[in-house]
Amino acid sequence: MQKGIGAVCLVAALWLLWRGHDVAGSIGSQFTQAFTGAPMGKATHYYLAGVAMGLLGGFLIFWQRK
């Protein structure tokens, strides 16, 4: 059960990272960054959530309960 949840978390992490990459390349994000100089907010949130979900999934798959 634990490895199944970990696998689902890894799939969700890949989707979040892909979605962040997609949002970062959008016209609206590039327009905002060009005029305000601010980093890409929504894309950064997707990236951070993807990394966190990936770490959780890896932990669930490789951590052995005793």
N, C-alpha and C. Protein backbone atom coordinates (compact mmCIF):
# COMPACT_ATOMS: atom_id res chain seq x y z
N MET A 1 0.82 -1.20 0.00
CA MET A 1 0.00 0.00 0.00
C MET A 1 0.87 1.26 0.00
N GLN A 2 1.90 1.25 0.82
CA GLN A 2 2.77 2.42 0.95
C GLN A 2 3.50 2.69 -0.37
N LYS A 3 3.95 1.64 -1.05
CA LYS A 3 4.66 1.85 -2.32
C LYS A 3 3.70 2.32 -3.41
N GLY A 4 2.46 1.90 -3.35
CA GLY A 4 1.47 2.37 -4.32
C GLY A 4 1.20 3.86 -4.16
N ILE A 5 1.07 4.31 -2.92
CA ILE A 5 0.87 5.74 -2.67
C ILE A 5 2.10 6.52 -3.11
N GLY A 6 3.28 5.95 -2.87
CA GLY A 6 4.52 6.61 -3.31
C GLY A 6 4.59 6.73 -4.82
N ALA A 7 4.14 5.71 -5.53
CA ALA A 7 4.14 5.76 -6.99
C ALA A 7 3.16 6.82 -7.49
N VAL A 8 2.01 6.93 -6.85
CA VAL A 8 1.04 7.96 -7.23
C VAL A 8 1.64 9.34 -6.97
N CYS A 9 2.35 9.50 -5.86
CA CYS A 9 2.99 10.79 -5.55
C CYS A 9 4.05 11.14 -6.60
N LEU A 10 4.81 10.15 -7.06
CA LEU A 10 5.81 10.42 -8.08
C LEU A 10 5.17 10.82 -9.41
N VAL A 11 4.07 10.18 -9.77
CA VAL A 11 3.36 10.56 -10.99
C VAL A 11 2.82 11.98 -10.86
N ALA A 12 2.26 12.30 -9.69
CA ALA A 12 1.75 13.65 -9.46
C ALA A 12 2.90 14.67 -9.50
N ALA A 13 4.07 14.29 -9.00
CA ALA A 13 5.23 15.19 -9.02
C ALA A 13 5.65 15.48 -10.46
N LEU A 14 5.67 14.46 -11.28
CA LEU A 14 6.02 14.67 -12.68
C LEU A 14 5.02 15.59 -13.37
N TRP A 15 3.74 15.40 -13.07
CA TRP A 15 2.72 16.25 -13.66
C TRP A 15 2.89 17.69 -13.20
N LEU A 16 3.16 17.90 -11.90
CA LEU A 16 3.34 19.26 -11.38
C LEU A 16 4.55 19.94 -12.00
N LEU A 17 5.65 19.20 -12.16
CA LEU A 17 6.84 19.78 -12.78
C LEU A 17 6.58 20.12 -14.24
N TRP A 18 5.87 19.25 -14.95
CA TRP A 18 5.53 19.52 -16.34
C TRP A 18 4.61 20.74 -16.45
N ARG A 19 3.65 20.83 -15.53
CA ARG A 19 2.72 21.95 -15.53
C ARG A 19 3.46 23.26 -15.23
N GLY A 20 4.42 23.21 -14.30
CA GLY A 20 5.22 24.40 -14.00
C GLY A 20 6.02 24.85 -15.20
N HIS A 21 6.57 23.90 -15.93
CA HIS A 21 7.33 24.23 -17.13
C HIS A 21 6.41 24.85 -18.18
N ASP A 22 5.21 24.32 -18.29
CA ASP A 22 4.24 24.84 -19.25
C ASP A 22 3.81 26.26 -18.88
N VAL A 23 3.56 26.50 -17.60
CA VAL A 23 3.14 27.82 -17.15
C VAL A 23 4.28 28.83 -17.31
N ALA A 24 5.51 28.40 -17.07
CA ALA A 24 6.66 29.30 -17.18
C ALA A 24 6.84 29.81 -18.60
N GLY A 25 6.45 29.00 -19.57
CA GLY A 25 6.62 29.41 -20.96
C GLY A 25 5.42 30.12 -21.54
N SER A 26 4.40 30.37 -20.74
CA SER A 26 3.19 31.00 -21.26
C SER A 26 3.45 32.48 -21.57
N ILE A 27 2.65 33.02 -22.44
CA ILE A 27 2.77 34.42 -22.84
C ILE A 27 2.55 35.35 -21.65
N GLY A 28 1.55 35.05 -20.83
CA GLY A 28 1.25 35.91 -19.68
C GLY A 28 2.41 35.96 -18.69
N SER A 29 3.03 34.83 -18.46
CA SER A 29 4.16 34.78 -17.53
C SER A 29 5.35 35.56 -18.08
N GLN A 30 5.62 35.41 -19.36
CA GLN A 30 6.72 36.14 -19.97
C GLN A 30 6.45 37.64 -20.00
N PHE A 31 5.20 38.02 -20.23
CA PHE A 31 4.82 39.43 -20.25
C PHE A 31 5.01 40.05 -18.87
N THR A 32 4.57 39.34 -17.83
CA THR A 32 4.73 39.84 -16.46
C THR A 32 6.19 39.98 -16.08
N GLN A 33 6.99 38.98 -16.43
CA GLN A 33 8.40 39.03 -16.06
C GLN A 33 9.12 40.14 -16.83
N ALA A 34 8.74 40.38 -18.06
CA ALA A 34 9.42 41.40 -18.86
C ALA A 34 9.17 42.80 -18.31
N PHE A 35 7.95 43.07 -17.85
CA PHE A 35 7.61 44.43 -17.41
C PHE A 35 7.82 44.68 -15.93
N THR A 36 7.72 43.65 -15.11
CA THR A 36 7.88 43.87 -13.67
C THR A 36 9.23 43.38 -13.16
N GLY A 37 9.84 42.47 -13.88
CA GLY A 37 11.10 41.90 -13.42
C GLY A 37 10.92 40.89 -12.31
N ALA A 38 9.68 40.63 -11.95
CA ALA A 38 9.40 39.68 -10.87
C ALA A 38 9.56 38.25 -11.37
N PRO A 39 9.99 37.36 -10.50
CA PRO A 39 10.09 35.96 -10.91
C PRO A 39 8.70 35.38 -11.17
N MET A 40 8.67 34.31 -11.86
CA MET A 40 7.41 33.67 -12.24
C MET A 40 6.76 33.04 -11.01
N GLY A 41 5.72 33.65 -10.47
CA GLY A 41 5.11 33.20 -9.24
C GLY A 41 4.40 31.88 -9.35
N LYS A 42 3.49 31.76 -10.30
CA LYS A 42 2.69 30.54 -10.40
C LYS A 42 3.56 29.35 -10.81
N ALA A 43 4.49 29.55 -11.71
CA ALA A 43 5.38 28.48 -12.14
C ALA A 43 6.25 28.01 -10.97
N THR A 44 6.71 28.95 -10.17
CA THR A 44 7.53 28.60 -9.02
C THR A 44 6.75 27.74 -8.03
N HIS A 45 5.48 28.05 -7.85
CA HIS A 45 4.65 27.24 -6.96
C HIS A 45 4.50 25.82 -7.48
N TYR A 46 4.31 25.67 -8.78
CA TYR A 46 4.22 24.33 -9.36
C TYR A 46 5.54 23.58 -9.19
N TYR A 47 6.66 24.27 -9.43
CA TYR A 47 7.96 23.62 -9.28
C TYR A 47 8.20 23.16 -7.84
N LEU A 48 7.92 24.02 -6.88
CA LEU A 48 8.13 23.66 -5.48
C LEU A 48 7.22 22.52 -5.05
N ALA A 49 5.97 22.57 -5.48
CA ALA A 49 5.05 21.48 -5.13
C ALA A 49 5.49 20.17 -5.79
N GLY A 50 5.99 20.23 -7.01
CA GLY A 50 6.48 19.03 -7.69
C GLY A 50 7.68 18.41 -7.00
N VAL A 51 8.60 19.25 -6.56
CA VAL A 51 9.77 18.75 -5.85
C VAL A 51 9.37 18.13 -4.51
N ALA A 52 8.48 18.81 -3.78
CA ALA A 52 8.03 18.28 -2.49
C ALA A 52 7.30 16.95 -2.67
N MET A 53 6.44 16.88 -3.69
CA MET A 53 5.70 15.64 -3.93
C MET A 53 6.64 14.52 -4.36
N GLY A 54 7.65 14.86 -5.15
CA GLY A 54 8.64 13.87 -5.56
C GLY A 54 9.44 13.33 -4.39
N LEU A 55 9.83 14.21 -3.48
CA LEU A 55 10.55 13.77 -2.29
C LEU A 55 9.68 12.86 -1.42
N LEU A 56 8.42 13.24 -1.27
CA LEU A 56 7.50 12.41 -0.50
C LEU A 56 7.31 11.05 -1.15
N GLY A 57 7.12 11.03 -2.47
CA GLY A 57 6.96 9.77 -3.17
C GLY A 57 8.18 8.89 -3.07
N GLY A 58 9.36 9.47 -3.24
CA GLY A 58 10.60 8.70 -3.10
C GLY A 58 10.78 8.17 -1.69
N PHE A 59 10.43 8.98 -0.71
CA PHE A 59 10.53 8.55 0.68
C PHE A 59 9.58 7.37 0.94
N LEU A 60 8.37 7.46 0.45
CA LEU A 60 7.40 6.38 0.67
C LEU A 60 7.80 5.09 -0.03
N ILE A 61 8.43 5.20 -1.18
CA ILE A 61 8.82 3.99 -1.91
C ILE A 61 10.05 3.33 -1.28
N PHE A 62 11.04 4.13 -0.92
CA PHE A 62 12.31 3.55 -0.48
C PHE A 62 12.45 3.39 1.02
N TRP A 63 11.58 3.98 1.83
CA TRP A 63 11.67 3.84 3.27
C TRP A 63 11.02 2.54 3.69
N GLN A 64 11.74 1.72 4.43
CA GLN A 64 11.24 0.43 4.87
C GLN A 64 10.76 0.51 6.30
N ARG A 65 9.51 0.14 6.52
CA ARG A 65 8.98 0.07 7.89
C ARG A 65 9.50 -1.19 8.55
N LYS A 66 9.74 -1.10 9.83
CA LYS A 66 10.23 -2.28 10.57
C LYS A 66 9.16 -2.83 11.48
